[in-house]
Amino acid sequence: MESLKVAIASTDGVNVNMHFGAATHFLIFEIKDNVAEFLEFRENPTKHIKDHTDRWNYALELLKDCGAIFCSRMGDHPKSVLEGKGMKVVMTENTLKDALKEFLTA
C-alpha cells in the first residue's frame, strides 16, 4: 500500500480541536499499511499574513503534500479548495486516535 500523509489540527496532541483557519500548527502523520505514525510538527506562522484568507491560503501551501486534513471546523471556501485539490477533509471533534481509526476503517 502507498503511504498517505495527513495533517491534524490539535492544540494538545490528543484531540482534534482546532479550526482550520485558526490553527497555529499541524501534526503530520504518515499512514502506511493501516498504521499511522507521527512524522513532524508544522508551524503555521501568523506573521506577514494580512487577513484570514491569507492565513488559510498559507496553510494550504504548507500542507500540499498531505492527502487529508483533520480539523474541528473549516469554512466552505477552503473546504472546496482542498477537496478540489484531491484532499479529504475530516471535520471532527474526536480524539486523534479515534479520528484516525475511523479514517482507516472508512
Protein backbone atom coordinates (compact mmCIF):
# COMPACT_ATOMS: atom_id res chain seq x y z
CA MET A 1 0.00 0.00 0.00
CA GLU A 2 1.13 3.51 -0.82
CA SER A 3 1.67 5.86 2.13
CA LEU A 4 -0.51 8.89 2.80
CA LYS A 5 0.33 11.96 4.88
CA VAL A 6 -2.42 13.51 6.98
CA ALA A 7 -2.42 16.81 8.86
CA ILE A 8 -4.22 17.17 12.17
CA ALA A 9 -5.14 20.47 13.82
CA SER A 10 -4.74 19.85 17.55
CA THR A 11 -3.78 22.05 20.48
CA ASP A 12 -2.84 19.18 22.77
CA GLY A 13 -1.79 16.24 20.59
CA VAL A 14 -4.72 14.23 21.95
CA ASN A 15 -7.84 15.82 20.43
CA VAL A 16 -8.77 17.18 17.01
CA ASN A 17 -9.83 20.56 18.38
CA MET A 18 -8.66 23.43 16.18
CA HIS A 19 -10.50 25.28 13.40
CA PHE A 20 -8.50 25.02 10.16
CA GLY A 21 -8.33 28.79 9.68
CA ALA A 22 -7.16 29.39 13.26
CA ALA A 23 -4.66 26.53 13.50
CA THR A 24 -1.24 27.70 14.67
CA HIS A 25 0.30 24.34 13.81
CA PHE A 26 -0.46 20.88 12.43
CA LEU A 27 0.64 17.41 13.49
CA ILE A 28 1.68 15.39 10.44
CA PHE A 29 1.20 11.64 10.39
CA GLU A 30 2.05 9.11 7.72
CA ILE A 31 -0.36 6.25 7.17
CA LYS A 32 1.07 3.10 5.66
CA ASP A 33 -0.38 -0.40 5.85
CA ASN A 34 -3.21 0.93 8.06
CA VAL A 35 -0.77 2.21 10.68
CA ALA A 36 -0.44 5.92 11.49
CA GLU A 37 2.99 7.13 12.55
CA PHE A 38 3.78 10.66 13.74
CA LEU A 39 6.23 12.39 11.38
CA GLU A 40 6.50 16.03 12.32
CA PHE A 41 5.09 19.22 13.79
CA ARG A 42 4.49 22.02 11.26
CA GLU A 43 4.14 25.62 12.40
CA ASN A 44 1.53 27.75 10.67
CA PRO A 45 3.04 31.20 11.30
CA THR A 46 0.88 34.25 11.77
CA LYS A 47 3.37 36.96 10.86
CA HIS A 48 3.29 38.51 7.38
CA ILE A 49 -0.29 37.37 6.91
CA LYS A 50 -2.67 40.20 6.07
CA ASP A 51 -6.08 38.63 6.62
CA HIS A 52 -7.98 35.43 7.30
CA THR A 53 -7.87 34.34 3.64
CA ASP A 54 -4.08 34.74 3.54
CA ARG A 55 -3.85 32.58 6.66
CA TRP A 56 -5.67 29.57 5.21
CA ASN A 57 -4.03 30.00 1.81
CA TYR A 58 -0.67 29.74 3.57
CA ALA A 59 -1.90 26.61 5.37
CA LEU A 60 -2.93 25.11 2.01
CA GLU A 61 0.62 25.59 0.73
CA LEU A 62 2.09 24.25 3.98
CA LEU A 63 0.02 21.05 3.71
CA LYS A 64 0.12 20.48 -0.05
CA ASP A 65 1.83 17.09 0.39
CA CYS A 66 -0.98 15.81 2.64
CA GLY A 67 -3.89 13.76 1.37
CA ALA A 68 -6.22 14.52 4.28
CA ILE A 69 -6.76 17.33 6.76
CA PHE A 70 -8.39 16.72 10.16
CA CYS A 71 -9.81 19.73 11.99
CA SER A 72 -12.74 20.59 14.23
CA ARG A 73 -14.23 23.00 11.67
CA MET A 74 -13.46 24.57 8.32
CA GLY A 75 -15.13 27.23 6.20
CA ASP A 76 -16.91 26.25 2.99
CA HIS A 77 -14.45 28.00 0.68
CA PRO A 78 -11.20 26.46 1.98
CA LYS A 79 -13.00 23.09 2.16
CA SER A 80 -13.98 23.27 -1.50
CA VAL A 81 -10.46 24.36 -2.49
CA LEU A 82 -8.89 21.45 -0.55
CA GLU A 83 -11.33 18.93 -1.97
CA GLY A 84 -10.73 20.35 -5.45
CA LYS A 85 -7.05 19.53 -4.98
CA GLY A 86 -7.98 15.94 -4.12
CA MET A 87 -7.54 16.27 -0.34
CA LYS A 88 -10.01 14.68 2.03
CA VAL A 89 -11.39 16.96 4.72
CA VAL A 90 -12.32 15.32 8.02
CA MET A 91 -14.19 17.61 10.41
CA THR A 92 -14.46 16.03 13.83
CA GLU A 93 -14.06 16.82 17.50
CA ASN A 94 -12.89 13.33 18.30
CA THR A 95 -9.57 12.25 19.77
CA LEU A 96 -6.70 11.85 17.29
CA LYS A 97 -6.66 8.13 17.98
CA ASP A 98 -10.38 7.67 17.30
CA ALA A 99 -10.39 10.03 14.28
CA LEU A 100 -7.50 8.14 12.67
CA LYS A 101 -9.14 4.79 13.48
CA GLU A 102 -12.41 5.92 11.81
CA PHE A 103 -10.47 7.23 8.81
CA LEU A 104 -8.60 3.95 8.40
CA THR A 105 -11.76 1.84 8.56
CA ALA A 106 -13.90 4.05 6.30
